Amino acid sequence: MTPTELTTCLVQQVMRWKVQSGRYLMENRSWKPAWRFQPMKRLEDAFRLLDAADPEECSMSCRRGGPFAVRVRIGGTFGEASDTSKARAITHAVARAIGLEPEGCESPKTGVERQ
């Protein structure tokens, strides 16, 4: 799934916005151009996505010089991601928790494999 396709799916499934002609119809009947909501690039948008997902559980961690790791539980399903970009890590973790797989991302190790 390309970044654009992933964003479109997240907008529809998590944000509950309608998609039409390069823009989104938001909950208050106002329009937002698609280029103004970029959760994989903008941390503010990633947190807005995370808030809309309303996870039962969420943890974030990082080590100096290392990737940013996120783990969320939505509807009883865990999604994990790590990336040098905080926005991408949050977005990918949310996507995985709702059953989407971002393109070009390695699947994270499960808790069983983690030491």
Protein backbone atom coordinates (compact mmCIF):
# COMPACT_ATOMS: atom_id res chain seq x y z
CA MET A 1 0.00 0.00 0.00
CA THR A 2 1.49 3.35 -1.02
CA PRO A 3 1.68 6.25 1.45
CA THR A 4 -1.16 8.02 -0.37
CA GLU A 5 -3.36 4.91 -0.31
CA LEU A 6 -2.56 4.37 3.37
CA THR A 7 -3.47 7.95 4.24
CA THR A 8 -6.74 7.64 2.31
CA CYS A 9 -7.65 4.44 4.19
CA LEU A 10 -6.79 6.00 7.54
CA VAL A 11 -8.79 9.12 6.73
CA GLN A 12 -11.84 7.00 5.96
CA GLN A 13 -11.53 4.36 8.68
CA VAL A 14 -10.06 6.30 11.60
CA MET A 15 -10.86 9.95 11.01
CA ARG A 16 -14.28 9.06 9.52
CA TRP A 17 -13.86 11.70 6.81
CA LYS A 18 -15.11 11.32 3.26
CA VAL A 19 -12.62 11.50 0.40
CA GLN A 20 -13.39 13.36 -2.80
CA SER A 21 -11.27 14.99 -5.50
CA GLY A 22 -8.09 15.52 -3.52
CA ARG A 23 -9.83 16.80 -0.41
CA TYR A 24 -11.53 15.53 2.72
CA LEU A 25 -14.99 16.29 4.03
CA MET A 26 -14.52 16.46 7.79
CA GLU A 27 -17.01 15.83 10.60
CA ASN A 28 -18.12 19.47 10.80
CA ARG A 29 -18.97 19.55 7.06
CA SER A 30 -15.89 21.60 6.24
CA TRP A 31 -13.34 20.66 3.60
CA LYS A 32 -9.61 20.16 4.01
CA PRO A 33 -7.28 19.79 1.02
CA ALA A 34 -5.61 16.36 1.09
CA TRP A 35 -2.14 17.94 1.13
CA ARG A 36 -3.00 19.63 4.47
CA PHE A 37 -3.37 16.30 6.33
CA GLN A 38 -0.13 14.32 6.19
CA PRO A 39 0.14 12.06 9.26
CA MET A 40 3.28 10.35 7.98
CA LYS A 41 5.11 13.67 7.66
CA ARG A 42 3.55 16.02 10.23
CA LEU A 43 3.67 15.09 13.90
CA GLU A 44 0.60 17.24 14.63
CA ASP A 45 -1.42 15.22 12.09
CA ALA A 46 -0.09 11.92 13.44
CA PHE A 47 -1.26 12.84 16.94
CA ARG A 48 -4.63 13.91 15.55
CA LEU A 49 -4.90 10.46 13.93
CA LEU A 50 -3.88 8.78 17.19
CA ASP A 51 -6.51 10.75 19.13
CA ALA A 52 -9.20 9.82 16.60
CA ALA A 53 -8.20 6.14 16.83
CA ASP A 54 -8.87 6.32 20.58
CA PRO A 55 -6.52 3.45 21.52
CA GLU A 56 -7.16 1.39 24.61
CA GLU A 57 -3.42 1.38 25.21
CA CYS A 58 -0.52 3.34 23.79
CA SER A 59 3.19 3.41 24.54
CA MET A 60 6.02 5.31 22.91
CA SER A 61 9.71 5.03 23.53
CA CYS A 62 13.04 5.98 22.06
CA ARG A 63 16.71 5.91 22.83
CA ARG A 64 19.14 8.63 21.96
CA GLY A 65 20.24 8.11 18.37
CA GLY A 66 17.80 5.24 17.85
CA PRO A 67 14.39 4.88 16.25
CA PHE A 68 11.14 6.00 17.84
CA ALA A 69 8.96 3.00 18.78
CA VAL A 70 5.18 3.03 19.14
CA ARG A 71 2.77 0.33 20.28
CA VAL A 72 -1.01 0.84 20.31
CA ARG A 73 -3.96 -1.40 21.04
CA ILE A 74 -7.17 -0.62 19.18
CA GLY A 75 -10.16 -2.93 19.42
CA GLY A 76 -8.04 -5.54 21.16
CA THR A 77 -5.49 -5.64 18.34
CA PHE A 78 -1.92 -4.42 18.80
CA GLY A 79 -0.06 -2.41 16.19
CA GLU A 80 3.65 -1.72 16.47
CA ALA A 81 6.09 0.34 14.46
CA SER A 82 9.48 1.96 14.82
CA ASP A 83 11.01 4.59 12.62
CA THR A 84 13.40 7.52 12.75
CA SER A 85 10.32 9.69 12.06
CA LYS A 86 7.95 9.97 15.03
CA ALA A 87 5.03 10.82 12.74
CA ARG A 88 5.61 7.75 10.55
CA ALA A 89 6.00 5.45 13.56
CA ILE A 90 2.70 6.63 15.07
CA THR A 91 0.85 6.41 11.75
CA HIS A 92 2.18 2.94 10.94
CA ALA A 93 1.36 1.60 14.42
CA VAL A 94 -2.23 2.86 14.12
CA ALA A 95 -2.49 1.40 10.62
CA ARG A 96 -1.28 -2.02 11.77
CA ALA A 97 -3.68 -2.02 14.73
CA ILE A 98 -6.63 -1.62 12.35
CA GLY A 99 -5.34 -4.26 9.93
CA LEU A 100 -3.48 -2.22 7.31
CA GLU A 101 0.12 -2.88 6.31
CA PRO A 102 2.23 0.08 5.16
CA GLU A 103 4.27 -0.53 2.00
CA GLY A 104 7.99 -1.03 2.34
CA CYS A 105 7.87 -1.49 6.12
CA GLU A 106 9.29 -4.46 7.87
CA SER A 107 6.86 -6.11 10.23
CA PRO A 108 7.89 -5.54 13.83
CA LYS A 109 8.85 -8.45 16.03
CA THR A 110 6.09 -9.81 18.20
CA GLY A 111 6.26 -9.69 21.97
CA VAL A 112 7.23 -13.37 22.01
CA GLU A 113 10.33 -12.70 19.95
CA ARG A 114 11.28 -9.59 21.90
CA GLN A 115 13.85 -9.97 24.64
